[in-house]
Amino acid sequence: MDIKIRDHIIHNFKGDDYNELKRAIDESVKEQDEVTLPGMGVFFELIWEEASDELKEEILHLIEKRINQGKEN
């Protein structure tokens, strides 16, 4: 069986408005449910594809900061 995860996730959220998308993301982050990680990855991919170089740089700095929080430098 050939399941296209990206297409499936995008299809599941088609028609959702801002508030529905925000709620889905907030709940996923709050619950830290690993089942939602593929969906969050698809959302990130959509953002990355449309992001300006400046936004990509900002995102990378945020990720770097969060990954390195608490580590000794």
PDB file of N, CA and C in Angstrom:
ATOM      1  N   MET A   1       0.844  -1.176   0.000  1.00  0.00           N
ATOM      2  CA  MET A   1       0.000   0.000   0.000  1.00  0.00           C
ATOM      3  C   MET A   1       0.890   1.241   0.000  1.00  0.00           C
ATOM      4  N   ASP A   2       0.663   2.131  -0.929  1.00  0.00           N
ATOM      5  CA  ASP A   2       1.468   3.336  -1.075  1.00  0.00           C
ATOM      6  C   ASP A   2       0.735   4.515  -0.435  1.00  0.00           C
ATOM      7  N   ILE A   3       1.197   4.928   0.742  1.00  0.00           N
ATOM      8  CA  ILE A   3       0.580   6.060   1.439  1.00  0.00           C
ATOM      9  C   ILE A   3       1.494   7.267   1.285  1.00  0.00           C
ATOM     10  N   LYS A   4       0.946   8.325   0.785  1.00  0.00           N
ATOM     11  CA  LYS A   4       1.700   9.566   0.637  1.00  0.00           C
ATOM     12  C   LYS A   4       1.364  10.443   1.839  1.00  0.00           C
ATOM     13  N   ILE A   5       2.271  10.414   2.816  1.00  0.00           N
ATOM     14  CA  ILE A   5       2.020  11.079   4.094  1.00  0.00           C
ATOM     15  C   ILE A   5       1.773  12.568   3.904  1.00  0.00           C
ATOM     16  N   ARG A   6       2.606  13.231   3.123  1.00  0.00           N
ATOM     17  CA  ARG A   6       2.427  14.677   2.910  1.00  0.00           C
ATOM     18  C   ARG A   6       1.028  14.984   2.384  1.00  0.00           C
ATOM     19  N   ASP A   7       0.653  14.264   1.335  1.00  0.00           N
ATOM     20  CA  ASP A   7      -0.657  14.504   0.724  1.00  0.00           C
ATOM     21  C   ASP A   7      -1.781  14.231   1.714  1.00  0.00           C
ATOM     22  N   HIS A   8      -1.638  13.172   2.483  1.00  0.00           N
ATOM     23  CA  HIS A   8      -2.664  12.808   3.466  1.00  0.00           C
ATOM     24  C   HIS A   8      -2.812  13.893   4.529  1.00  0.00           C
ATOM     25  N   ILE A   9      -1.699  14.370   5.049  1.00  0.00           N
ATOM     26  CA  ILE A   9      -1.737  15.400   6.096  1.00  0.00           C
ATOM     27  C   ILE A   9      -2.326  16.692   5.549  1.00  0.00           C
ATOM     28  N   ILE A  10      -1.874  17.113   4.378  1.00  0.00           N
ATOM     29  CA  ILE A  10      -2.402  18.340   3.779  1.00  0.00           C
ATOM     30  C   ILE A  10      -3.898  18.200   3.537  1.00  0.00           C
ATOM     31  N   HIS A  11      -4.325  17.054   3.032  1.00  0.00           N
ATOM     32  CA  HIS A  11      -5.750  16.809   2.787  1.00  0.00           C
ATOM     33  C   HIS A  11      -6.560  16.913   4.084  1.00  0.00           C
ATOM     34  N   ASN A  12      -6.009  16.389   5.180  1.00  0.00           N
ATOM     35  CA  ASN A  12      -6.717  16.427   6.466  1.00  0.00           C
ATOM     36  C   ASN A  12      -6.937  17.842   6.976  1.00  0.00           C
ATOM     37  N   PHE A  13      -6.096  18.775   6.583  1.00  0.00           N
ATOM     38  CA  PHE A  13      -6.215  20.144   7.080  1.00  0.00           C
ATOM     39  C   PHE A  13      -6.806  21.106   6.044  1.00  0.00           C
ATOM     40  N   LYS A  14      -7.058  20.630   4.845  1.00  0.00           N
ATOM     41  CA  LYS A  14      -7.659  21.498   3.812  1.00  0.00           C
ATOM     42  C   LYS A  14      -8.954  22.075   4.331  1.00  0.00           C
ATOM     43  N   GLY A  15      -9.132  23.354   4.142  1.00  0.00           N
ATOM     44  CA  GLY A  15     -10.355  24.019   4.565  1.00  0.00           C
ATOM     45  C   GLY A  15     -10.313  24.525   5.989  1.00  0.00           C
ATOM     46  N   ASP A  16      -9.314  24.106   6.772  1.00  0.00           N
ATOM     47  CA  ASP A  16      -9.207  24.601   8.145  1.00  0.00           C
ATOM     48  C   ASP A  16      -8.812  26.072   8.117  1.00  0.00           C
ATOM     49  N   ASP A  17      -9.369  26.824   9.037  1.00  0.00           N
ATOM     50  CA  ASP A  17      -9.031  28.243   9.112  1.00  0.00           C
ATOM     51  C   ASP A  17      -7.867  28.461  10.091  1.00  0.00           C
ATOM     52  N   TYR A  18      -7.494  29.702  10.236  1.00  0.00           N
ATOM     53  CA  TYR A  18      -6.380  30.104  11.095  1.00  0.00           C
ATOM     54  C   TYR A  18      -6.510  29.510  12.491  1.00  0.00           C
ATOM     55  N   ASN A  19      -7.674  29.671  13.102  1.00  0.00           N
ATOM     56  CA  ASN A  19      -7.871  29.208  14.482  1.00  0.00           C
ATOM     57  C   ASN A  19      -7.769  27.694  14.603  1.00  0.00           C
ATOM     58  N   GLU A  20      -8.282  26.968  13.639  1.00  0.00           N
ATOM     59  CA  GLU A  20      -8.198  25.507  13.663  1.00  0.00           C
ATOM     60  C   GLU A  20      -6.753  25.038  13.505  1.00  0.00           C
ATOM     61  N   LEU A  21      -6.014  25.687  12.615  1.00  0.00           N
ATOM     62  CA  LEU A  21      -4.608  25.334  12.428  1.00  0.00           C
ATOM     63  C   LEU A  21      -3.791  25.656  13.676  1.00  0.00           C
ATOM     64  N   LYS A  22      -4.048  26.828  14.255  1.00  0.00           N
ATOM     65  CA  LYS A  22      -3.329  27.227  15.476  1.00  0.00           C
ATOM     66  C   LYS A  22      -3.615  26.250  16.601  1.00  0.00           C
ATOM     67  N   ARG A  23      -4.869  25.879  16.773  1.00  0.00           N
ATOM     68  CA  ARG A  23      -5.250  24.935  17.827  1.00  0.00           C
ATOM     69  C   ARG A  23      -4.549  23.581  17.615  1.00  0.00           C
ATOM     70  N   ALA A  24      -4.512  23.102  16.380  1.00  0.00           N
ATOM     71  CA  ALA A  24      -3.861  21.819  16.096  1.00  0.00           C
ATOM     72  C   ALA A  24      -2.369  21.874  16.425  1.00  0.00           C
ATOM     73  N   ILE A  25      -1.726  22.963  16.071  1.00  0.00           N
ATOM     74  CA  ILE A  25      -0.295  23.119  16.347  1.00  0.00           C
ATOM     75  C   ILE A  25      -0.060  23.256  17.845  1.00  0.00           C
ATOM     76  N   ASP A  26      -0.832  24.123  18.500  1.00  0.00           N
ATOM     77  CA  ASP A  26      -0.675  24.315  19.942  1.00  0.00           C
ATOM     78  C   ASP A  26      -0.866  23.011  20.712  1.00  0.00           C
ATOM     79  N   GLU A  27      -1.890  22.245  20.360  1.00  0.00           N
ATOM     80  CA  GLU A  27      -2.155  20.971  21.040  1.00  0.00           C
ATOM     81  C   GLU A  27      -1.032  19.980  20.789  1.00  0.00           C
ATOM     82  N   SER A  28      -0.531  19.943  19.571  1.00  0.00           N
ATOM     83  CA  SER A  28       0.558  19.033  19.238  1.00  0.00           C
ATOM     84  C   SER A  28       1.806  19.350  20.051  1.00  0.00           C
ATOM     85  N   VAL A  29       2.135  20.629  20.155  1.00  0.00           N
ATOM     86  CA  VAL A  29       3.314  21.047  20.911  1.00  0.00           C
ATOM     87  C   VAL A  29       3.109  20.785  22.399  1.00  0.00           C
ATOM     88  N   LYS A  30       1.941  21.120  22.905  1.00  0.00           N
ATOM     89  CA  LYS A  30       1.646  20.949  24.329  1.00  0.00           C
ATOM     90  C   LYS A  30       1.698  19.481  24.740  1.00  0.00           C
ATOM     91  N   GLU A  31       1.090  18.618  23.953  1.00  0.00           N
ATOM     92  CA  GLU A  31       1.004  17.200  24.282  1.00  0.00           C
ATOM     93  C   GLU A  31       2.299  16.447  24.015  1.00  0.00           C
ATOM     94  N   GLN A  32       3.154  16.995  23.175  1.00  0.00           N
ATOM     95  CA  GLN A  32       4.406  16.347  22.778  1.00  0.00           C
ATOM     96  C   GLN A  32       4.164  14.910  22.313  1.00  0.00           C
ATOM     97  N   ASP A  33       3.090  14.746  21.572  1.00  0.00           N
ATOM     98  CA  ASP A  33       2.704  13.446  21.055  1.00  0.00           C
ATOM     99  C   ASP A  33       3.515  13.153  19.802  1.00  0.00           C
ATOM    100  N   GLU A  34       4.302  12.102  19.834  1.00  0.00           N
ATOM    101  CA  GLU A  34       5.170  11.790  18.704  1.00  0.00           C
ATOM    102  C   GLU A  34       4.395  11.388  17.450  1.00  0.00           C
ATOM    103  N   VAL A  35       3.149  11.008  17.615  1.00  0.00           N
ATOM    104  CA  VAL A  35       2.313  10.666  16.459  1.00  0.00           C
ATOM    105  C   VAL A  35       2.098  11.891  15.573  1.00  0.00           C
ATOM    106  N   THR A  36       2.119  13.080  16.183  1.00  0.00           N
ATOM    107  CA  THR A  36       1.878  14.309  15.414  1.00  0.00           C
ATOM    108  C   THR A  36       3.139  14.856  14.747  1.00  0.00           C
ATOM    109  N   LEU A  37       4.290  14.276  15.039  1.00  0.00           N
ATOM    110  CA  LEU A  37       5.543  14.793  14.467  1.00  0.00           C
ATOM    111  C   LEU A  37       5.562  14.824  12.942  1.00  0.00           C
ATOM    112  N   PRO A  38       5.067  13.800  12.254  1.00  0.00           N
ATOM    113  CA  PRO A  38       5.059  13.895  10.791  1.00  0.00           C
ATOM    114  C   PRO A  38       4.239  15.091  10.291  1.00  0.00           C
ATOM    115  N   GLY A  39       3.115  15.360  10.928  1.00  0.00           N
ATOM    116  CA  GLY A  39       2.296  16.508  10.530  1.00  0.00           C
ATOM    117  C   GLY A  39       3.019  17.820  10.761  1.00  0.00           C
ATOM    118  N   MET A  40       3.693  17.917  11.893  1.00  0.00           N
ATOM    119  CA  MET A  40       4.455  19.132  12.180  1.00  0.00           C
ATOM    120  C   MET A  40       5.584  19.291  11.169  1.00  0.00           C
ATOM    121  N   GLY A  41       6.167  18.180  10.765  1.00  0.00           N
ATOM    122  CA  GLY A  41       7.216  18.225   9.740  1.00  0.00           C
ATOM    123  C   GLY A  41       6.690  18.723   8.408  1.00  0.00           C
ATOM    124  N   VAL A  42       5.482  18.287   8.051  1.00  0.00           N
ATOM    125  CA  VAL A  42       4.867  18.760   6.803  1.00  0.00           C
ATOM    126  C   VAL A  42       4.583  20.249   6.905  1.00  0.00           C
ATOM    127  N   PHE A  43       4.054  20.688   8.054  1.00  0.00           N
ATOM    128  CA  PHE A  43       3.808  22.121   8.243  1.00  0.00           C
ATOM    129  C   PHE A  43       5.115  22.901   8.100  1.00  0.00           C
ATOM    130  N   PHE A  44       6.184  22.395   8.722  1.00  0.00           N
ATOM    131  CA  PHE A  44       7.471  23.079   8.638  1.00  0.00           C
ATOM    132  C   PHE A  44       7.959  23.144   7.193  1.00  0.00           C
ATOM    133  N   GLU A  45       7.795  22.049   6.473  1.00  0.00           N
ATOM    134  CA  GLU A  45       8.202  22.018   5.067  1.00  0.00           C
ATOM    135  C   GLU A  45       7.455  23.080   4.256  1.00  0.00           C
ATOM    136  N   LEU A  46       6.151  23.223   4.504  1.00  0.00           N
ATOM    137  CA  LEU A  46       5.357  24.235   3.802  1.00  0.00           C
ATOM    138  C   LEU A  46       5.865  25.642   4.110  1.00  0.00           C
ATOM    139  N   ILE A  47       6.190  25.882   5.379  1.00  0.00           N
ATOM    140  CA  ILE A  47       6.732  27.186   5.785  1.00  0.00           C
ATOM    141  C   ILE A  47       8.065  27.433   5.094  1.00  0.00           C
ATOM    142  N   TRP A  48       8.942  26.450   5.161  1.00  0.00           N
ATOM    143  CA  TRP A  48      10.296  26.587   4.626  1.00  0.00           C
ATOM    144  C   TRP A  48      10.278  26.891   3.130  1.00  0.00           C
ATOM    145  N   GLU A  49       9.390  26.215   2.412  1.00  0.00           N
ATOM    146  CA  GLU A  49       9.312  26.420   0.959  1.00  0.00           C
ATOM    147  C   GLU A  49       8.904  27.852   0.600  1.00  0.00           C
ATOM    148  N   GLU A  50       8.132  28.494   1.440  1.00  0.00           N
ATOM    149  CA  GLU A  50       7.628  29.837   1.147  1.00  0.00           C
ATOM    150  C   GLU A  50       8.395  30.951   1.858  1.00  0.00           C
ATOM    151  N   ALA A  51       9.271  30.590   2.772  1.00  0.00           N
ATOM    152  CA  ALA A  51       9.953  31.578   3.605  1.00  0.00           C
ATOM    153  C   ALA A  51      11.018  32.346   2.831  1.00  0.00           C
ATOM    154  N   SER A  52      11.145  33.603   3.182  1.00  0.00           N
ATOM    155  CA  SER A  52      12.235  34.417   2.641  1.00  0.00           C
ATOM    156  C   SER A  52      13.540  33.961   3.284  1.00  0.00           C
ATOM    157  N   ASP A  53      14.650  34.384   2.727  1.00  0.00           N
ATOM    158  CA  ASP A  53      15.944  34.042   3.318  1.00  0.00           C
ATOM    159  C   ASP A  53      16.051  34.595   4.735  1.00  0.00           C
ATOM    160  N   GLU A  54      15.488  35.771   4.979  1.00  0.00           N
ATOM    161  CA  GLU A  54      15.525  36.376   6.308  1.00  0.00           C
ATOM    162  C   GLU A  54      14.729  35.537   7.312  1.00  0.00           C
ATOM    163  N   LEU A  55      13.557  35.072   6.914  1.00  0.00           N
ATOM    164  CA  LEU A  55      12.748  34.250   7.809  1.00  0.00           C
ATOM    165  C   LEU A  55      13.436  32.915   8.070  1.00  0.00           C
ATOM    166  N   LYS A  56      14.034  32.319   7.044  1.00  0.00           N
ATOM    167  CA  LYS A  56      14.770  31.065   7.232  1.00  0.00           C
ATOM    168  C   LYS A  56      15.898  31.257   8.238  1.00  0.00           C
ATOM    169  N   GLU A  57      16.605  32.366   8.133  1.00  0.00           N
ATOM    170  CA  GLU A  57      17.698  32.653   9.062  1.00  0.00           C
ATOM    171  C   GLU A  57      17.163  32.784  10.486  1.00  0.00           C
ATOM    172  N   GLU A  58      16.045  33.480  10.638  1.00  0.00           N
ATOM    173  CA  GLU A  58      15.442  33.640  11.963  1.00  0.00           C
ATOM    174  C   GLU A  58      15.017  32.287  12.539  1.00  0.00           C
ATOM    175  N   ILE A  59      14.401  31.457  11.716  1.00  0.00           N
ATOM    176  CA  ILE A  59      13.975  30.126  12.143  1.00  0.00           C
ATOM    177  C   ILE A  59      15.191  29.308  12.579  1.00  0.00           C
ATOM    178  N   LEU A  60      16.242  29.333  11.787  1.00  0.00           N
ATOM    179  CA  LEU A  60      17.443  28.575  12.123  1.00  0.00           C
ATOM    180  C   LEU A  60      18.060  29.041  13.438  1.00  0.00           C
ATOM    181  N   HIS A  61      18.065  30.356  13.671  1.00  0.00           N
ATOM    182  CA  HIS A  61      18.589  30.874  14.932  1.00  0.00           C
ATOM    183  C   HIS A  61      17.728  30.416  16.113  1.00  0.00           C
ATOM    184  N   LEU A  62      16.417  30.404  15.941  1.00  0.00           N
ATOM    185  CA  LEU A  62      15.529  29.930  17.002  1.00  0.00           C
ATOM    186  C   LEU A  62      15.753  28.449  17.294  1.00  0.00           C
ATOM    187  N   ILE A  63      15.886  27.659  16.242  1.00  0.00           N
ATOM    188  CA  ILE A  63      16.124  26.230  16.424  1.00  0.00           C
ATOM    189  C   ILE A  63      17.465  26.003  17.120  1.00  0.00           C
ATOM    190  N   GLU A  64      18.494  26.702  16.650  1.00  0.00           N
ATOM    191  CA  GLU A  64      19.814  26.567  17.257  1.00  0.00           C
ATOM    192  C   GLU A  64      19.768  26.935  18.738  1.00  0.00           C
ATOM    193  N   LYS A  65      19.098  28.022  19.053  1.00  0.00           N
ATOM    194  CA  LYS A  65      18.989  28.481  20.440  1.00  0.00           C
ATOM    195  C   LYS A  65      18.299  27.427  21.304  1.00  0.00           C
ATOM    196  N   ARG A  66      17.174  26.899  20.832  1.00  0.00           N
ATOM    197  CA  ARG A  66      16.419  25.908  21.608  1.00  0.00           C
ATOM    198  C   ARG A  66      17.195  24.595  21.762  1.00  0.00           C
ATOM    199  N   ILE A  67      17.865  24.170  20.734  1.00  0.00           N
ATOM    200  CA  ILE A  67      18.633  22.923  20.802  1.00  0.00           C
ATOM    201  C   ILE A  67      19.771  23.059  21.804  1.00  0.00           C
ATOM    202  N   ASN A  68      20.383  24.222  21.844  1.00  0.00           N
ATOM    203  CA  ASN A  68      21.553  24.417  22.690  1.00  0.00           C
ATOM    204  C   ASN A  68      21.224  24.963  24.080  1.00  0.00           C
ATOM    205  N   GLN A  69      19.959  25.204  24.371  1.00  0.00           N
ATOM    206  CA  GLN A  69      19.585  25.676  25.705  1.00  0.00           C
ATOM    207  C   GLN A  69      20.015  24.668  26.750  1.00  0.00           C
ATOM    208  N   GLY A  70      20.633  25.182  27.793  1.00  0.00           N
ATOM    209  CA  GLY A  70      21.015  24.309  28.885  1.00  0.00           C
ATOM    210  C   GLY A  70      22.346  23.609  28.687  1.00  0.00           C
ATOM    211  N   LYS A  71      22.900  23.687  27.484  1.00  0.00           N
ATOM    212  CA  LYS A  71      24.203  23.071  27.247  1.00  0.00           C
ATOM    213  C   LYS A  71      25.290  24.049  27.638  1.00  0.00           C
ATOM    214  N   GLU A  72      26.364  23.501  28.172  1.00  0.00           N
ATOM    215  CA  GLU A  72      27.511  24.354  28.503  1.00  0.00           C
ATOM    216  C   GLU A  72      28.249  24.709  27.219  1.00  0.00           C
ATOM    217  N   ASN A  73      28.644  25.951  27.102  1.00  0.00           N
ATOM    218  CA  ASN A  73      29.389  26.393  25.918  1.00  0.00           C
ATOM    219  C   ASN A  73      30.871  26.368  26.157  1.00  0.00           C
TER     220      ASN A  73
END
